[in-house]
Amino acid sequence: MSALISLTVNIADRQFYIKVEPENEATVRQTIEQINEKILEFKKQMPGFDMQHYISLAFMWFATQPSKQSIFNSELFYLQQEIEEIELVADKILESSE
């Protein structure tokens, strides 16, 4: 585990001080940016609510989004199944040629 770095991030015009691993800094900053963009989007779509409402909506949106890791894992699983099928076909071809 590498040393943690300190970041100051803004969510809905409020500052938060967090510590993250250096390799996660870009992901954290990108995530914060997406959340802030969603907050602004919700403010434009549904004017008249308080900031807590918009923040809650943005975090619910974020929590329901599939992560890149889960997408990668499902693609990896699919590829693994395809490789196993190819191996079965190759085994049958080799067996029939003997």
Protein backbone atom coordinates (compact mmCIF):
# COMPACT_ATOMS: atom_id res chain seq x y z
CA MET A 1 0.00 0.00 0.00
CA SER A 2 1.41 3.36 -0.99
CA ALA A 3 1.28 6.49 1.12
CA LEU A 4 -1.98 8.37 0.98
CA ILE A 5 -2.18 11.82 -0.52
CA SER A 6 -4.45 14.60 0.71
CA LEU A 7 -7.03 16.08 -1.63
CA THR A 8 -9.43 18.94 -1.28
CA VAL A 9 -12.58 18.29 -3.28
CA ASN A 10 -15.72 20.34 -3.79
CA ILE A 11 -19.17 18.84 -3.91
CA ALA A 12 -22.02 21.31 -4.35
CA ASP A 13 -19.83 24.25 -3.33
CA ARG A 14 -18.68 22.57 -0.09
CA GLN A 15 -15.08 21.59 0.52
CA PHE A 16 -14.11 18.16 1.75
CA TYR A 17 -10.65 16.99 2.71
CA ILE A 18 -9.96 13.37 1.88
CA LYS A 19 -6.98 11.04 1.63
CA VAL A 20 -6.60 8.64 -1.27
CA GLU A 21 -3.97 6.41 -2.76
CA PRO A 22 -2.06 8.20 -5.53
CA GLU A 23 -3.19 5.72 -8.19
CA ASN A 24 -6.84 6.51 -7.33
CA GLU A 25 -6.54 10.31 -7.48
CA ALA A 26 -7.68 10.66 -11.10
CA THR A 27 -10.65 8.34 -10.53
CA VAL A 28 -11.72 10.26 -7.42
CA ARG A 29 -11.45 13.62 -9.18
CA GLN A 30 -13.39 12.30 -12.19
CA THR A 31 -16.09 10.89 -9.92
CA ILE A 32 -16.44 14.19 -8.05
CA GLU A 33 -16.71 16.01 -11.37
CA GLN A 34 -19.48 13.65 -12.53
CA ILE A 35 -21.37 14.11 -9.28
CA ASN A 36 -21.16 17.91 -9.51
CA GLU A 37 -22.33 17.79 -13.14
CA LYS A 38 -25.32 15.66 -12.13
CA ILE A 39 -26.18 18.07 -9.31
CA LEU A 40 -26.24 20.95 -11.81
CA GLU A 41 -28.27 18.87 -14.26
CA PHE A 42 -30.87 18.08 -11.60
CA LYS A 43 -31.00 21.75 -10.55
CA LYS A 44 -31.81 22.73 -14.14
CA GLN A 45 -34.36 19.95 -14.66
CA MET A 46 -36.18 20.43 -11.34
CA PRO A 47 -35.88 23.96 -10.02
CA GLY A 48 -37.20 24.86 -6.60
CA PHE A 49 -35.75 22.12 -4.42
CA ASP A 50 -33.05 22.57 -1.81
CA MET A 51 -29.43 21.56 -2.37
CA GLN A 52 -29.76 18.47 -0.18
CA HIS A 53 -32.41 17.16 -2.56
CA TYR A 54 -30.14 17.61 -5.60
CA ILE A 55 -27.18 16.04 -3.81
CA SER A 56 -29.31 13.06 -2.80
CA LEU A 57 -30.50 12.59 -6.38
CA ALA A 58 -26.96 12.81 -7.70
CA PHE A 59 -25.68 10.24 -5.23
CA MET A 60 -28.60 7.89 -5.96
CA TRP A 61 -27.81 8.23 -9.67
CA PHE A 62 -24.14 7.53 -9.01
CA ALA A 63 -24.85 4.52 -6.79
CA THR A 64 -26.98 2.90 -9.49
CA GLN A 65 -24.46 3.33 -12.29
CA PRO A 66 -22.52 0.20 -13.21
CA SER A 67 -18.88 0.61 -12.34
CA LYS A 68 -16.18 0.23 -14.96
CA GLN A 69 -14.82 -2.71 -12.99
CA SER A 70 -18.12 -4.59 -13.08
CA ILE A 71 -18.42 -3.95 -16.82
CA PHE A 72 -14.86 -5.17 -17.30
CA ASN A 73 -15.58 -8.29 -15.20
CA SER A 74 -18.70 -9.14 -17.22
CA GLU A 75 -16.79 -8.71 -20.49
CA LEU A 76 -13.98 -10.85 -19.12
CA PHE A 77 -16.48 -13.54 -18.11
CA TYR A 78 -18.00 -13.47 -21.60
CA LEU A 79 -14.57 -13.80 -23.22
CA GLN A 80 -13.69 -16.66 -20.91
CA GLN A 81 -16.84 -18.52 -21.97
CA GLU A 82 -16.04 -17.94 -25.64
CA ILE A 83 -12.50 -19.27 -25.18
CA GLU A 84 -13.83 -22.38 -23.44
CA GLU A 85 -16.22 -23.01 -26.35
CA ILE A 86 -13.38 -22.61 -28.85
CA GLU A 87 -11.27 -25.04 -26.83
CA LEU A 88 -14.10 -27.60 -26.91
CA VAL A 89 -14.42 -27.27 -30.68
CA ALA A 90 -10.65 -27.57 -31.11
CA ASP A 91 -10.58 -30.67 -28.89
CA LYS A 92 -13.34 -32.30 -30.97
CA ILE A 93 -11.48 -31.52 -34.19
CA LEU A 94 -8.27 -32.97 -32.80
CA GLU A 95 -10.06 -36.09 -31.55
CA SER A 96 -11.75 -36.70 -34.89
CA SER A 97 -8.48 -36.32 -36.80
CA GLU A 98 -6.73 -39.01 -34.75
